[in-house]
Amino acid sequence: MFLIPSLRRVALSALLVVFAVAALLPAATGEIAIRFAFYAATALFIASLDRAPACGKSAA
């Protein structure tokens, strides 16, 4: 879904929901699942790369 530009935001939202649910399930038993926060941050970072200006291109 990340390959189709029009679906990237939907795919990112769905992925973040999956990570949130996956983090909450172990939390119910007392475990802290930090890895899902890392996964979510990585997904947000990758999504932000699409909006960042390319190297060598001027903003003007």
PDB file of N, CA and C in Angstrom:
ATOM      1  N   MET A   1       0.814  -1.191   0.000  1.00  0.00           N
ATOM      2  CA  MET A   1       0.000   0.000   0.000  1.00  0.00           C
ATOM      3  C   MET A   1       0.863   1.262   0.000  1.00  0.00           C
ATOM      4  N   PHE A   2       2.092   1.164   0.505  1.00  0.00           N
ATOM      5  CA  PHE A   2       2.949   2.341   0.526  1.00  0.00           C
ATOM      6  C   PHE A   2       3.468   2.694  -0.866  1.00  0.00           C
ATOM      7  N   LEU A   3       3.353   1.772  -1.803  1.00  0.00           N
ATOM      8  CA  LEU A   3       3.812   2.048  -3.161  1.00  0.00           C
ATOM      9  C   LEU A   3       2.831   2.917  -3.929  1.00  0.00           C
ATOM     10  N   ILE A   4       1.594   2.974  -3.490  1.00  0.00           N
ATOM     11  CA  ILE A   4       0.575   3.785  -4.156  1.00  0.00           C
ATOM     12  C   ILE A   4       0.446   5.091  -3.381  1.00  0.00           C
ATOM     13  N   PRO A   5       0.879   6.207  -3.968  1.00  0.00           N
ATOM     14  CA  PRO A   5       0.916   7.477  -3.231  1.00  0.00           C
ATOM     15  C   PRO A   5      -0.417   7.894  -2.613  1.00  0.00           C
ATOM     16  N   SER A   6      -1.504   7.637  -3.289  1.00  0.00           N
ATOM     17  CA  SER A   6      -2.800   8.071  -2.759  1.00  0.00           C
ATOM     18  C   SER A   6      -3.242   7.250  -1.541  1.00  0.00           C
ATOM     19  N   LEU A   7      -2.639   6.090  -1.333  1.00  0.00           N
ATOM     20  CA  LEU A   7      -3.020   5.237  -0.201  1.00  0.00           C
ATOM     21  C   LEU A   7      -2.024   5.288   0.951  1.00  0.00           C
ATOM     22  N   ARG A   8      -0.969   6.072   0.826  1.00  0.00           N
ATOM     23  CA  ARG A   8       0.073   6.085   1.854  1.00  0.00           C
ATOM     24  C   ARG A   8      -0.449   6.534   3.210  1.00  0.00           C
ATOM     25  N   ARG A   9      -1.250   7.582   3.237  1.00  0.00           N
ATOM     26  CA  ARG A   9      -1.754   8.088   4.523  1.00  0.00           C
ATOM     27  C   ARG A   9      -2.691   7.064   5.167  1.00  0.00           C
ATOM     28  N   VAL A  10      -3.518   6.415   4.363  1.00  0.00           N
ATOM     29  CA  VAL A  10      -4.422   5.378   4.884  1.00  0.00           C
ATOM     30  C   VAL A  10      -3.616   4.194   5.401  1.00  0.00           C
ATOM     31  N   ALA A  11      -2.601   3.798   4.653  1.00  0.00           N
ATOM     32  CA  ALA A  11      -1.766   2.674   5.060  1.00  0.00           C
ATOM     33  C   ALA A  11      -1.009   2.993   6.336  1.00  0.00           C
ATOM     34  N   LEU A  12      -0.490   4.212   6.439  1.00  0.00           N
ATOM     35  CA  LEU A  12       0.215   4.610   7.649  1.00  0.00           C
ATOM     36  C   LEU A  12      -0.720   4.606   8.848  1.00  0.00           C
ATOM     37  N   SER A  13      -1.924   5.115   8.675  1.00  0.00           N
ATOM     38  CA  SER A  13      -2.897   5.123   9.766  1.00  0.00           C
ATOM     39  C   SER A  13      -3.238   3.706  10.210  1.00  0.00           C
ATOM     40  N   ALA A  14      -3.456   2.829   9.260  1.00  0.00           N
ATOM     41  CA  ALA A  14      -3.768   1.433   9.587  1.00  0.00           C
ATOM     42  C   ALA A  14      -2.600   0.768  10.305  1.00  0.00           C
ATOM     43  N   LEU A  15      -1.396   1.039   9.848  1.00  0.00           N
ATOM     44  CA  LEU A  15      -0.211   0.459  10.477  1.00  0.00           C
ATOM     45  C   LEU A  15      -0.043   0.960  11.906  1.00  0.00           C
ATOM     46  N   LEU A  16      -0.293   2.245  12.128  1.00  0.00           N
ATOM     47  CA  LEU A  16      -0.188   2.788  13.476  1.00  0.00           C
ATOM     48  C   LEU A  16      -1.249   2.210  14.410  1.00  0.00           C
ATOM     49  N   VAL A  17      -2.434   1.955  13.883  1.00  0.00           N
ATOM     50  CA  VAL A  17      -3.484   1.309  14.688  1.00  0.00           C
ATOM     51  C   VAL A  17      -3.067  -0.109  15.060  1.00  0.00           C
ATOM     52  N   VAL A  18      -2.501  -0.824  14.114  1.00  0.00           N
ATOM     53  CA  VAL A  18      -2.028  -2.187  14.392  1.00  0.00           C
ATOM     54  C   VAL A  18      -0.955  -2.164  15.473  1.00  0.00           C
ATOM     55  N   PHE A  19      -0.010  -1.223  15.380  1.00  0.00           N
ATOM     56  CA  PHE A  19       1.043  -1.134  16.393  1.00  0.00           C
ATOM     57  C   PHE A  19       0.458  -0.765  17.757  1.00  0.00           C
ATOM     58  N   ALA A  20      -0.543   0.101  17.779  1.00  0.00           N
ATOM     59  CA  ALA A  20      -1.164   0.486  19.051  1.00  0.00           C
ATOM     60  C   ALA A  20      -1.858  -0.704  19.700  1.00  0.00           C
ATOM     61  N   VAL A  21      -2.585  -1.453  18.917  1.00  0.00           N
ATOM     62  CA  VAL A  21      -3.265  -2.643  19.455  1.00  0.00           C
ATOM     63  C   VAL A  21      -2.235  -3.673  19.913  1.00  0.00           C
ATOM     64  N   ALA A  22      -1.190  -3.853  19.120  1.00  0.00           N
ATOM     65  CA  ALA A  22      -0.147  -4.820  19.477  1.00  0.00           C
ATOM     66  C   ALA A  22       0.582  -4.389  20.752  1.00  0.00           C
ATOM     67  N   ALA A  23       0.685  -3.107  21.011  1.00  0.00           N
ATOM     68  CA  ALA A  23       1.323  -2.631  22.237  1.00  0.00           C
ATOM     69  C   ALA A  23       0.389  -2.773  23.444  1.00  0.00           C
ATOM     70  N   LEU A  24      -0.904  -2.637  23.215  1.00  0.00           N
ATOM     71  CA  LEU A  24      -1.857  -2.722  24.324  1.00  0.00           C
ATOM     72  C   LEU A  24      -2.062  -4.151  24.822  1.00  0.00           C
ATOM     73  N   LEU A  25      -1.962  -5.120  23.943  1.00  0.00           N
ATOM     74  CA  LEU A  25      -2.191  -6.507  24.357  1.00  0.00           C
ATOM     75  C   LEU A  25      -1.181  -6.968  25.412  1.00  0.00           C
ATOM     76  N   PRO A  26       0.117  -6.776  25.215  1.00  0.00           N
ATOM     77  CA  PRO A  26       1.054  -7.156  26.285  1.00  0.00           C
ATOM     78  C   PRO A  26       0.921  -6.267  27.523  1.00  0.00           C
ATOM     79  N   ALA A  27       0.495  -5.026  27.332  1.00  0.00           N
ATOM     80  CA  ALA A  27       0.332  -4.117  28.471  1.00  0.00           C
ATOM     81  C   ALA A  27      -0.749  -4.620  29.420  1.00  0.00           C
ATOM     82  N   ALA A  28      -1.699  -5.363  28.909  1.00  0.00           N
ATOM     83  CA  ALA A  28      -2.765  -5.912  29.752  1.00  0.00           C
ATOM     84  C   ALA A  28      -2.213  -6.932  30.754  1.00  0.00           C
ATOM     85  N   THR A  29      -1.078  -7.544  30.415  1.00  0.00           N
ATOM     86  CA  THR A  29      -0.464  -8.520  31.317  1.00  0.00           C
ATOM     87  C   THR A  29       0.673  -7.915  32.127  1.00  0.00           C
ATOM     88  N   GLY A  30       0.907  -6.610  31.953  1.00  0.00           N
ATOM     89  CA  GLY A  30       1.933  -5.939  32.735  1.00  0.00           C
ATOM     90  C   GLY A  30       3.252  -5.741  32.010  1.00  0.00           C
ATOM     91  N   GLU A  31       3.358  -6.241  30.803  1.00  0.00           N
ATOM     92  CA  GLU A  31       4.590  -6.083  30.029  1.00  0.00           C
ATOM     93  C   GLU A  31       4.575  -4.734  29.313  1.00  0.00           C
ATOM     94  N   ILE A  32       5.718  -4.113  29.234  1.00  0.00           N
ATOM     95  CA  ILE A  32       5.828  -2.858  28.496  1.00  0.00           C
ATOM     96  C   ILE A  32       6.493  -3.168  27.159  1.00  0.00           C
ATOM     97  N   ALA A  33       5.768  -2.968  26.080  1.00  0.00           N
ATOM     98  CA  ALA A  33       6.258  -3.311  24.743  1.00  0.00           C
ATOM     99  C   ALA A  33       6.770  -2.050  24.050  1.00  0.00           C
ATOM    100  N   ILE A  34       7.985  -1.673  24.374  1.00  0.00           N
ATOM    101  CA  ILE A  34       8.592  -0.468  23.803  1.00  0.00           C
ATOM    102  C   ILE A  34       8.853  -0.642  22.312  1.00  0.00           C
ATOM    103  N   ARG A  35       9.055  -1.866  21.871  1.00  0.00           N
ATOM    104  CA  ARG A  35       9.399  -2.094  20.466  1.00  0.00           C
ATOM    105  C   ARG A  35       8.329  -1.559  19.516  1.00  0.00           C
ATOM    106  N   PHE A  36       7.070  -1.556  19.936  1.00  0.00           N
ATOM    107  CA  PHE A  36       6.017  -1.062  19.052  1.00  0.00           C
ATOM    108  C   PHE A  36       6.069   0.453  18.907  1.00  0.00           C
ATOM    109  N   ALA A  37       6.533   1.148  19.931  1.00  0.00           N
ATOM    110  CA  ALA A  37       6.753   2.595  19.812  1.00  0.00           C
ATOM    111  C   ALA A  37       7.874   2.865  18.823  1.00  0.00           C
ATOM    112  N   PHE A  38       8.914   2.040  18.854  1.00  0.00           N
ATOM    113  CA  PHE A  38      10.010   2.171  17.890  1.00  0.00           C
ATOM    114  C   PHE A  38       9.505   1.901  16.472  1.00  0.00           C
ATOM    115  N   TYR A  39       8.702   0.862  16.301  1.00  0.00           N
ATOM    116  CA  TYR A  39       8.157   0.545  14.975  1.00  0.00           C
ATOM    117  C   TYR A  39       7.292   1.695  14.452  1.00  0.00           C
ATOM    118  N   ALA A  40       6.459   2.250  15.321  1.00  0.00           N
ATOM    119  CA  ALA A  40       5.596   3.355  14.914  1.00  0.00           C
ATOM    120  C   ALA A  40       6.424   4.584  14.548  1.00  0.00           C
ATOM    121  N   ALA A  41       7.456   4.878  15.336  1.00  0.00           N
ATOM    122  CA  ALA A  41       8.319   6.016  15.023  1.00  0.00           C
ATOM    123  C   ALA A  41       9.035   5.809  13.691  1.00  0.00           C
ATOM    124  N   THR A  42       9.449   4.591  13.420  1.00  0.00           N
ATOM    125  CA  THR A  42      10.100   4.287  12.148  1.00  0.00           C
ATOM    126  C   THR A  42       9.134   4.481  10.986  1.00  0.00           C
ATOM    127  N   ALA A  43       7.896   4.030  11.140  1.00  0.00           N
ATOM    128  CA  ALA A  43       6.898   4.205  10.079  1.00  0.00           C
ATOM    129  C   ALA A  43       6.612   5.686   9.836  1.00  0.00           C
ATOM    130  N   LEU A  44       6.521   6.467  10.910  1.00  0.00           N
ATOM    131  CA  LEU A  44       6.302   7.910  10.767  1.00  0.00           C
ATOM    132  C   LEU A  44       7.495   8.587  10.098  1.00  0.00           C
ATOM    133  N   PHE A  45       8.695   8.157  10.440  1.00  0.00           N
ATOM    134  CA  PHE A  45       9.892   8.719   9.823  1.00  0.00           C
ATOM    135  C   PHE A  45       9.916   8.418   8.324  1.00  0.00           C
ATOM    136  N   ILE A  46       9.632   7.195   7.955  1.00  0.00           N
ATOM    137  CA  ILE A  46       9.628   6.825   6.538  1.00  0.00           C
ATOM    138  C   ILE A  46       8.559   7.606   5.790  1.00  0.00           C
ATOM    139  N   ALA A  47       7.408   7.791   6.399  1.00  0.00           N
ATOM    140  CA  ALA A  47       6.343   8.563   5.758  1.00  0.00           C
ATOM    141  C   ALA A  47       6.751  10.025   5.607  1.00  0.00           C
ATOM    142  N   SER A  48       7.508  10.545   6.571  1.00  0.00           N
ATOM    143  CA  SER A  48       7.933  11.945   6.484  1.00  0.00           C
ATOM    144  C   SER A  48       8.995  12.149   5.410  1.00  0.00           C
ATOM    145  N   LEU A  49       9.719  11.126   5.044  1.00  0.00           N
ATOM    146  CA  LEU A  49      10.728  11.249   3.996  1.00  0.00           C
ATOM    147  C   LEU A  49      10.100  11.603   2.661  1.00  0.00           C
ATOM    148  N   ASP A  50       8.879  11.182   2.463  1.00  0.00           N
ATOM    149  CA  ASP A  50       8.185  11.471   1.210  1.00  0.00           C
ATOM    150  C   ASP A  50       7.909  12.967   1.085  1.00  0.00           C
ATOM    151  N   ARG A  51       7.724  13.650   2.202  1.00  0.00           N
ATOM    152  CA  ARG A  51       7.397  15.076   2.187  1.00  0.00           C
ATOM    153  C   ARG A  51       8.627  15.965   2.222  1.00  0.00           C
ATOM    154  N   ALA A  52       9.786  15.403   2.558  1.00  0.00           N
ATOM    155  CA  ALA A  52      10.998  16.190   2.672  1.00  0.00           C
ATOM    156  C   ALA A  52      11.545  16.542   1.283  1.00  0.00           C
ATOM    157  N   PRO A  53      12.096  17.750   1.134  1.00  0.00           N
ATOM    158  CA  PRO A  53      12.684  18.110  -0.163  1.00  0.00           C
ATOM    159  C   PRO A  53      13.899  17.245  -0.455  1.00  0.00           C
ATOM    160  N   ALA A  54      14.087  16.921  -1.696  1.00  0.00           N
ATOM    161  CA  ALA A  54      15.221  16.084  -2.107  1.00  0.00           C
ATOM    162  C   ALA A  54      16.511  16.883  -2.001  1.00  0.00           C
ATOM    163  N   CYS A  55      17.608  16.194  -1.772  1.00  0.00           N
ATOM    164  CA  CYS A  55      18.918  16.851  -1.682  1.00  0.00           C
ATOM    165  C   CYS A  55      19.277  17.462  -3.024  1.00  0.00           C
ATOM    166  N   GLY A  56      19.823  18.645  -2.981  1.00  0.00           N
ATOM    167  CA  GLY A  56      20.255  19.299  -4.207  1.00  0.00           C
ATOM    168  C   GLY A  56      19.194  20.143  -4.863  1.00  0.00           C
ATOM    169  N   LYS A  57      17.962  20.048  -4.431  1.00  0.00           N
ATOM    170  CA  LYS A  57      16.891  20.867  -4.985  1.00  0.00           C
ATOM    171  C   LYS A  57      16.688  22.090  -4.108  1.00  0.00           C
ATOM    172  N   SER A  58      16.542  23.224  -4.725  1.00  0.00           N
ATOM    173  CA  SER A  58      16.325  24.438  -3.940  1.00  0.00           C
ATOM    174  C   SER A  58      14.846  24.581  -3.587  1.00  0.00           C
ATOM    175  N   ALA A  59      14.604  25.240  -2.469  1.00  0.00           N
ATOM    176  CA  ALA A  59      13.232  25.438  -2.007  1.00  0.00           C
ATOM    177  C   ALA A  59      12.551  26.581  -2.733  1.00  0.00           C
ATOM    178  N   ALA A  60      13.291  27.349  -3.488  1.00  0.00           N
ATOM    179  CA  ALA A  60      12.727  28.526  -4.174  1.00  0.00           C
ATOM    180  C   ALA A  60      12.021  28.187  -5.444  1.00  0.00           C
TER     181      ALA A  60
END
